[in-house]
Each structure stands twice: as C-alpha cells, then as structure tokens.
Amino acid sequence: PQDQLVIFIAGHGQFDETFGEGYLVTRGSLSNDAAKTSYVAHSILRNIINNIPCEHILLIMDVCFSGTFDPVIASSRGEDLYESIEDSELLVRKLSKKTRRYLTSGGKEYVSDGIPGKHSPFAQKFIEVLRTRGGEDRIITLTEIYPVMQRLKTLPRTGEFGSNEKDSDFVFVAK
C-alpha cells in the first residue's frame, strides 16, 4: 500500500486531430503509420497505468504532444512554447482565473496553538514562507506554499471550492 511508482517516458509522439488522440511512437512503431496501429494511444496508456496495482503512480512524459495524455488538452486547440514566460505573463495567467482555494491548519482534528505569546506552528510556518518574498521572481503562489506547510506535524489541507476555475492559484507579489 505504500509503494510508489514513477514511470518516465522519453521519446517521440504524434497527435491525430481527426480522432483527438495522442500517441507514443515506440521503437517498434512503423515509420509514417497513417493508421497508427503500431503506436500506443494515450487512452490505452491511461487505462493500463490506471490498472497497475499501486496506490501512488507518477507518469512523466518527455514526448511531443504528451500534454494530450489529458483528454481535455487533447480536445482543445493551442500551441505550447518551449520558452519560459515572463513574470508579467505568469501574473496575467494566474490573475485571469477566478480563485476560490483554501489552506487550513489541519483536517478534522485539534491543531496546536503553540507556545503562549508566540504564533501557532501553522502561522509561524506561513510567515516564514512569506518572508522568503518569493525568491528571485518575488512571486509566491499557494501551489508553492503548500509543500512547505506539509512539513508541519498536523497536516494542513488545501483545495478548491465554489466557482474556482481550473488552474487558478492565489498569488502573493512582494513589493
């Protein structure tokens, strides 16, 4: 039950606009296989990996069109660039989405108030993260904060609620 499996795939890929399906092109695949019968469809790969009897699986794909492993991406139109985006573009991307996310000091349990006259462990850790001022880019997102908070004895919880938009995040920008 505690096993973890990382599957790393590097290689070639194809995407078929007509069928909205991405494919792995393996060493044994035929060149220019128009019917794609020798390719591995992402839908089949998802099914195979989902049925591996392991509780924790991470699939990493360094393959062209690998984002189409996600059917939502496969059905959308768009083009990704290899270049990193500027801080201003990151902020526009993050702030253009409606955000309804939460971070709590625990689940359904008592949490420590800490030492009287001092901050709680949760508040202390949160303040420590904010004091980093986001490092070089001076931007801190909830997505960056949560991994640090998970080091606390009582596990904080995070998630989304209400009308949160997919890929939204809460952003702190240091002055």
Foldseek 3Di string as FASTA:
>chain_A
DPDAEEAEEEDEKDADLVVLWIWAQDPPHDPPPVVCPRTHTLVNVVVVVVPDPDDHYHYHYNYVVVVSNPVVVSNDDDDDDPDDDDLVVVCCVQVVWDFFKDKFLADPDDAACPDPPDHGPQVVQQVVVVVCCCPPSSKDWVVNSQVSSCPDPHGMDMDGDDRGDPPHIDMDGHD
